[in-house]
Amino acid sequence: MLKRFLDCTASDFLNMTKDDLLFAIGASEGRVLACETIGTVSPLLSDISNVELSAAMGADVVLLNIFDVANPKILGIPKTEPKDVVREVKRLTGRPVGINLEPVEQSGGIAKVDDMWAITEGRIATLENAKKAADMGVDFILLTGNPGTGVSNKAITDSLEMFHKEVGDKIVLAAGKMHASGVLSEAAEQIITRDDIKAFADAGADIILLPAPGTVPGITMEYVRGLVCYAHSLSKLTITAIGTSQEGADVETIRQIALMCKMTGTDIHHLGDSGYTGIALPENITAYSTVIKGVRHTYRRMAMSIKR
């Protein structure tokens, strides 16, 4: 029997098809929280992984950033064979798992970035990497760009078309940008437009990612509301994302953003990985969850045993 995401247990998630998962998200009416973490930095709690901490604080979906499918690494989890890292994250958290892959222009190569955001081969949105992700047990692939990497909306569309043909029956495909990613011509209101949404939808996206209101200059609640309505008219789900380090803001700011995102009509809410570095502030995860679904569903997710 199909269930709302709100009602699902760890064993439910393990047995879900792609269509089951999309139904569960839509049926929860804007009460699903995805939290991004970085596994290659020291965990906030030293010997406990950031994925476990985010799940404990109320995250519904775990999203792995800076995740290299050729060299998978999540610090803080027990020693695990590389091919089993995603399944171990699922075992430890009882949550669906997504990863970010970063498209590059077919003729442009990899953007030159001199810090932790520099794209490695296993993080590029190639078909080989998508197939590896599917074999590892990944539930979602999000096609997007990290700061300064030069990922464009055209590159996202090209990758979507390729992924949809080859792995679109197995993995939920999400696409969009939460900031300009170093492409100044796609900044502010041009980060994502109705034309981009149509292109993503036609290319096979199941979920459209949009910047959360108040996180990028010029992105208001009314603007995002219009884009969400348009995506829904194309029968696509949406995710509003905080990807500008405001996941490390004070709790009151997080509550304001959460309410604005709720008013846009979005299906999934996203918190980025930069409270300090590697995970949103834990208290902000719980605060955001409480705003969008109250203490009952928040505490239920936090308390539910992963053995259920």
Protein backbone atom coordinates (compact mmCIF):
# COMPACT_ATOMS: atom_id res chain seq x y z
CA MET A 1 0.00 0.00 0.00
CA LEU A 2 1.32 3.45 -0.91
CA LYS A 3 2.15 5.70 2.06
CA ARG A 4 2.86 9.33 2.75
CA PHE A 5 6.53 9.97 3.41
CA LEU A 6 5.49 11.17 6.86
CA ASP A 7 4.27 7.67 7.72
CA CYS A 8 7.15 5.66 6.24
CA THR A 9 9.63 3.63 8.27
CA ALA A 10 13.17 2.57 7.36
CA SER A 11 11.94 -0.75 5.96
CA ASP A 12 9.36 1.08 3.83
CA PHE A 13 12.08 3.18 2.22
CA LEU A 14 14.22 0.13 1.44
CA ASN A 15 11.41 -1.47 -0.53
CA MET A 16 10.23 1.60 -2.42
CA THR A 17 10.36 2.00 -6.18
CA LYS A 18 11.08 5.37 -7.72
CA ASP A 19 7.37 5.94 -8.32
CA ASP A 20 6.54 4.95 -4.73
CA LEU A 21 9.03 7.51 -3.44
CA LEU A 22 7.68 10.30 -5.63
CA PHE A 23 4.13 9.50 -4.52
CA ALA A 24 5.18 9.51 -0.85
CA ILE A 25 6.78 12.94 -1.21
CA GLY A 26 3.81 14.48 -3.00
CA ALA A 27 1.33 12.98 -0.56
CA SER A 28 3.10 14.63 2.39
CA GLU A 29 2.06 18.10 1.20
CA GLY A 30 5.25 20.07 1.71
CA ARG A 31 6.49 18.26 4.81
CA VAL A 32 9.69 16.57 3.65
CA LEU A 33 13.10 17.90 4.73
CA ALA A 34 16.30 17.01 2.85
CA CYS A 35 19.58 17.79 4.59
CA GLU A 36 22.87 18.05 2.77
CA THR A 37 26.10 16.87 4.38
CA ILE A 38 29.75 16.62 3.33
CA GLY A 39 31.40 13.31 4.17
CA THR A 40 34.99 14.33 3.42
CA VAL A 41 35.32 16.81 6.31
CA SER A 42 35.67 15.98 9.99
CA PRO A 43 32.23 15.26 11.47
CA LEU A 44 30.83 17.79 13.90
CA LEU A 45 30.73 15.07 16.59
CA SER A 46 34.13 13.64 15.70
CA ASP A 47 33.37 9.90 15.64
CA ILE A 48 29.69 10.12 14.64
CA SER A 49 29.06 10.92 10.98
CA ASN A 50 27.24 14.04 9.87
CA VAL A 51 24.68 11.88 8.07
CA GLU A 52 23.74 10.24 11.38
CA LEU A 53 23.58 13.59 13.15
CA SER A 54 21.35 15.16 10.51
CA ALA A 55 18.99 12.17 10.65
CA ALA A 56 18.90 12.31 14.45
CA MET A 57 17.92 15.99 14.34
CA GLY A 58 14.95 15.39 12.03
CA ALA A 59 16.16 15.11 8.42
CA ASP A 60 13.86 13.00 6.23
CA VAL A 61 16.28 12.62 3.31
CA VAL A 62 20.08 12.53 3.40
CA LEU A 63 21.79 14.35 0.52
CA LEU A 64 25.53 13.75 0.06
CA ASN A 65 27.54 16.66 -1.32
CA ILE A 66 31.16 16.42 -2.55
CA PHE A 67 30.48 12.70 -2.97
CA ASP A 68 32.84 11.01 -5.42
CA VAL A 69 31.35 7.75 -6.73
CA ALA A 70 34.85 6.59 -7.75
CA ASN A 71 36.23 7.24 -4.27
CA PRO A 72 33.23 7.28 -1.90
CA LYS A 73 34.04 8.56 1.55
CA ILE A 74 31.89 9.36 4.58
CA LEU A 75 33.99 10.10 7.64
CA GLY A 76 32.55 8.86 10.93
CA ILE A 77 30.84 5.70 9.65
CA PRO A 78 32.25 2.21 10.38
CA LYS A 79 34.88 0.91 7.98
CA THR A 80 33.00 -0.08 4.82
CA GLU A 81 33.81 -1.35 1.36
CA PRO A 82 33.58 1.56 -1.12
CA LYS A 83 30.78 -0.08 -3.10
CA ASP A 84 28.71 -0.38 0.08
CA VAL A 85 29.09 3.16 1.47
CA VAL A 86 25.63 4.36 0.40
CA ARG A 87 23.97 1.19 1.72
CA GLU A 88 25.80 1.70 5.02
CA VAL A 89 24.47 5.26 5.21
CA LYS A 90 20.98 3.85 4.67
CA ARG A 91 21.53 1.20 7.35
CA LEU A 92 22.72 3.78 9.87
CA THR A 93 20.08 6.42 9.18
CA GLY A 94 17.00 4.60 7.84
CA ARG A 95 16.60 7.40 5.26
CA PRO A 96 16.55 7.62 1.47
CA VAL A 97 19.89 8.86 0.14
CA GLY A 98 20.65 11.28 -2.66
CA ILE A 99 23.90 12.60 -4.13
CA ASN A 100 24.89 15.72 -6.04
CA LEU A 101 26.49 15.32 -9.46
CA GLU A 102 27.80 18.36 -11.30
CA PRO A 103 27.31 18.78 -15.05
CA VAL A 104 30.01 20.39 -17.17
CA GLU A 105 29.66 21.89 -20.63
CA GLN A 106 30.50 19.28 -23.26
CA SER A 107 33.19 21.53 -24.71
CA GLY A 108 34.14 23.44 -21.59
CA GLY A 109 35.88 20.89 -19.39
CA ILE A 110 36.06 21.14 -15.64
CA ALA A 111 36.02 24.57 -14.03
CA LYS A 112 39.25 25.48 -12.24
CA VAL A 113 38.52 25.95 -8.56
CA ASP A 114 41.31 25.98 -6.02
CA ASP A 115 39.48 24.80 -2.94
CA MET A 116 37.30 21.99 -1.63
CA TRP A 117 34.68 22.62 -4.33
CA ALA A 118 37.05 21.60 -7.16
CA ILE A 119 35.24 18.94 -9.19
CA THR A 120 36.84 15.50 -9.28
CA GLU A 121 36.11 12.92 -11.98
CA GLY A 122 33.78 10.92 -9.74
CA ARG A 123 31.59 13.96 -9.09
CA ILE A 124 30.95 14.89 -12.72
CA ALA A 125 27.51 14.17 -14.15
CA THR A 126 28.64 11.46 -16.55
CA LEU A 127 26.56 8.45 -17.49
CA GLU A 128 29.20 6.16 -16.01
CA ASN A 129 28.94 7.95 -12.66
CA ALA A 130 25.15 7.84 -12.74
CA LYS A 131 25.21 4.09 -13.32
CA LYS A 132 27.71 3.66 -10.48
CA ALA A 133 25.38 5.65 -8.21
CA ALA A 134 22.45 3.41 -9.17
CA ASP A 135 24.49 0.29 -8.44
CA MET A 136 25.47 1.74 -5.04
CA GLY A 137 21.81 2.14 -4.06
CA VAL A 138 21.38 5.91 -4.50
CA ASP A 139 17.72 6.97 -4.54
CA PHE A 140 18.12 10.53 -5.87
CA ILE A 141 20.57 12.26 -8.17
CA LEU A 142 20.55 16.06 -7.95
CA LEU A 143 22.11 17.82 -10.92
CA THR A 144 23.36 21.15 -9.62
CA GLY A 145 26.52 23.18 -9.07
CA ASN A 146 28.65 24.02 -6.05
CA PRO A 147 30.05 27.56 -5.55
CA GLY A 148 32.23 28.84 -8.36
CA THR A 149 32.19 25.65 -10.41
CA GLY A 150 30.64 27.20 -13.51
CA VAL A 151 27.75 24.77 -13.87
CA SER A 152 25.19 26.23 -16.29
CA ASN A 153 21.53 25.43 -16.84
CA LYS A 154 22.31 24.21 -20.36
CA ALA A 155 24.80 21.70 -18.98
CA ILE A 156 22.17 20.53 -16.49
CA THR A 157 19.64 20.02 -19.30
CA ASP A 158 22.12 18.05 -21.41
CA SER A 159 22.94 15.75 -18.49
CA LEU A 160 19.28 15.25 -17.66
CA GLU A 161 18.48 14.02 -21.16
CA MET A 162 21.28 11.46 -20.96
CA PHE A 163 20.40 10.29 -17.45
CA HIS A 164 16.69 10.05 -18.17
CA LYS A 165 17.27 7.64 -21.03
CA GLU A 166 19.64 5.35 -19.12
CA VAL A 167 18.76 5.44 -15.40
CA GLY A 168 15.52 7.43 -15.27
CA ASP A 169 13.46 4.33 -14.49
CA LYS A 170 15.51 3.60 -11.36
CA ILE A 171 16.57 6.88 -9.79
CA VAL A 172 14.67 10.08 -8.97
CA LEU A 173 16.22 12.89 -11.02
CA ALA A 174 16.23 16.40 -9.57
CA ALA A 175 17.71 19.45 -11.28
CA GLY A 176 18.25 23.14 -10.67
CA LYS A 177 20.47 25.68 -8.98
CA MET A 178 20.39 27.17 -5.50
CA HIS A 179 22.83 29.97 -6.41
CA ALA A 180 24.64 31.15 -9.54
CA SER A 181 27.48 28.57 -9.21
CA GLY A 182 29.88 31.14 -10.62
CA VAL A 183 27.84 31.84 -13.78
CA LEU A 184 27.13 35.57 -13.46
CA SER A 185 24.70 35.57 -16.39
CA GLU A 186 22.58 33.14 -14.35
CA ALA A 187 22.52 35.14 -11.13
CA ALA A 188 19.60 36.60 -9.13
CA GLU A 189 16.29 36.14 -11.01
CA GLN A 190 18.15 34.41 -13.85
CA ILE A 191 19.32 31.53 -11.64
CA ILE A 192 16.29 29.62 -12.84
CA THR A 193 13.43 30.81 -15.03
CA ARG A 194 10.22 29.34 -16.43
CA ASP A 195 12.13 28.52 -19.61
CA ASP A 196 14.72 26.59 -17.58
CA ILE A 197 11.98 24.69 -15.75
CA LYS A 198 10.36 23.72 -19.05
CA ALA A 199 13.71 22.57 -20.41
CA PHE A 200 14.43 20.51 -17.28
CA ALA A 201 10.95 18.98 -17.34
CA ASP A 202 11.21 18.08 -21.04
CA ALA A 203 14.65 16.56 -20.42
CA GLY A 204 13.27 14.19 -17.77
CA ALA A 205 13.55 15.87 -14.37
CA ASP A 206 11.19 14.53 -11.72
CA ILE A 207 11.92 17.35 -9.26
CA ILE A 208 12.86 20.98 -9.96
CA LEU A 209 15.24 22.66 -7.51
CA LEU A 210 14.80 26.38 -6.79
CA PRO A 211 16.57 28.76 -4.42
CA ALA A 212 14.61 29.34 -1.23
CA PRO A 213 13.12 32.84 -0.87
CA GLY A 214 15.45 35.20 0.94
CA THR A 215 18.60 33.19 0.21
CA VAL A 216 19.68 34.82 -3.05
CA PRO A 217 19.42 38.52 -4.00
CA GLY A 218 16.13 39.23 -5.75
CA ILE A 219 14.53 35.87 -4.97
CA THR A 220 11.27 36.63 -3.19
CA MET A 221 8.51 34.37 -1.96
CA GLU A 222 6.21 35.61 -4.74
CA TYR A 223 8.81 34.87 -7.42
CA VAL A 224 9.43 31.31 -6.20
CA ARG A 225 5.69 30.76 -5.73
CA GLY A 226 5.18 31.46 -9.45
CA LEU A 227 7.91 29.01 -10.42
CA VAL A 228 6.57 26.30 -8.10
CA CYS A 229 3.08 26.69 -9.58
CA TYR A 230 4.52 26.42 -13.07
CA ALA A 231 6.52 23.28 -12.21
CA HIS A 232 3.41 21.72 -10.67
CA SER A 233 1.46 22.52 -13.85
CA LEU A 234 4.01 20.33 -15.66
CA SER A 235 3.39 17.54 -13.10
CA LYS A 236 6.81 18.00 -11.51
CA LEU A 237 7.63 18.18 -7.81
CA THR A 238 9.81 20.98 -6.43
CA ILE A 239 12.49 21.44 -3.80
CA THR A 240 13.40 24.84 -2.37
CA ALA A 241 17.02 25.02 -1.28
CA ILE A 242 19.07 26.98 1.22
CA GLY A 243 22.52 26.80 -0.32
CA THR A 244 24.08 30.12 0.65
CA SER A 245 25.35 29.24 4.14
CA GLN A 246 22.17 30.57 5.76
CA GLU A 247 21.73 27.05 7.07
CA GLY A 248 24.15 28.46 9.64
CA ALA A 249 22.02 31.51 10.45
CA ASP A 250 20.11 32.04 13.69
CA VAL A 251 17.03 29.95 14.36
CA GLU A 252 14.62 32.86 13.82
CA THR A 253 15.96 33.41 10.31
CA ILE A 254 15.59 29.71 9.54
CA ARG A 255 11.98 29.81 10.74
CA GLN A 256 11.21 32.77 8.47
CA ILE A 257 12.71 31.06 5.44
CA ALA A 258 10.87 27.83 6.27
CA LEU A 259 7.52 29.63 6.39
CA MET A 260 8.19 31.43 3.11
CA CYS A 261 9.13 28.13 1.46
CA LYS A 262 5.95 26.56 2.82
CA MET A 263 3.94 29.42 1.30
CA THR A 264 5.49 28.83 -2.10
CA GLY A 265 3.86 25.40 -2.16
CA THR A 266 7.11 23.45 -2.46
CA ASP A 267 7.11 19.69 -1.93
CA ILE A 268 10.60 19.27 -0.42
CA HIS A 269 12.65 21.63 1.72
CA HIS A 270 16.46 21.60 1.60
CA LEU A 271 19.07 22.69 4.11
CA GLY A 272 22.65 23.01 2.90
CA ASP A 273 25.86 21.72 4.43
CA SER A 274 27.54 24.86 5.72
CA GLY A 275 26.46 25.53 9.26
CA TYR A 276 30.15 25.53 9.94
CA THR A 277 31.32 23.12 7.26
CA GLY A 278 29.81 19.75 6.47
CA ILE A 279 26.33 20.05 7.98
CA ALA A 280 23.68 22.66 8.81
CA LEU A 281 23.56 23.76 12.42
CA PRO A 282 21.83 20.81 14.12
CA GLU A 283 19.37 23.06 15.95
CA ASN A 284 18.35 24.56 12.59
CA ILE A 285 17.46 21.13 11.22
CA THR A 286 15.04 20.55 14.09
CA ALA A 287 13.71 24.12 13.95
CA TYR A 288 13.05 23.92 10.21
CA SER A 289 11.34 20.55 10.54
CA THR A 290 9.15 21.85 13.36
CA VAL A 291 8.02 24.83 11.27
CA ILE A 292 6.94 22.76 8.27
CA LYS A 293 5.40 19.79 10.10
CA GLY A 294 5.08 20.52 13.82
CA VAL A 295 6.62 18.75 16.80
CA ARG A 296 4.55 15.57 16.39
CA HIS A 297 5.93 14.60 13.00
CA THR A 298 9.36 16.04 13.80
CA TYR A 299 9.79 14.05 17.00
CA ARG A 300 8.29 10.98 15.37
CA ARG A 301 10.98 11.03 12.67
CA MET A 302 13.70 11.68 15.24
CA ALA A 303 12.53 8.89 17.56
CA MET A 304 11.60 6.20 15.01
CA SER A 305 13.96 3.22 15.24
CA ILE A 306 15.91 2.39 12.08
CA LYS A 307 15.01 -1.26 12.78
CA ARG A 308 11.31 -0.69 12.11
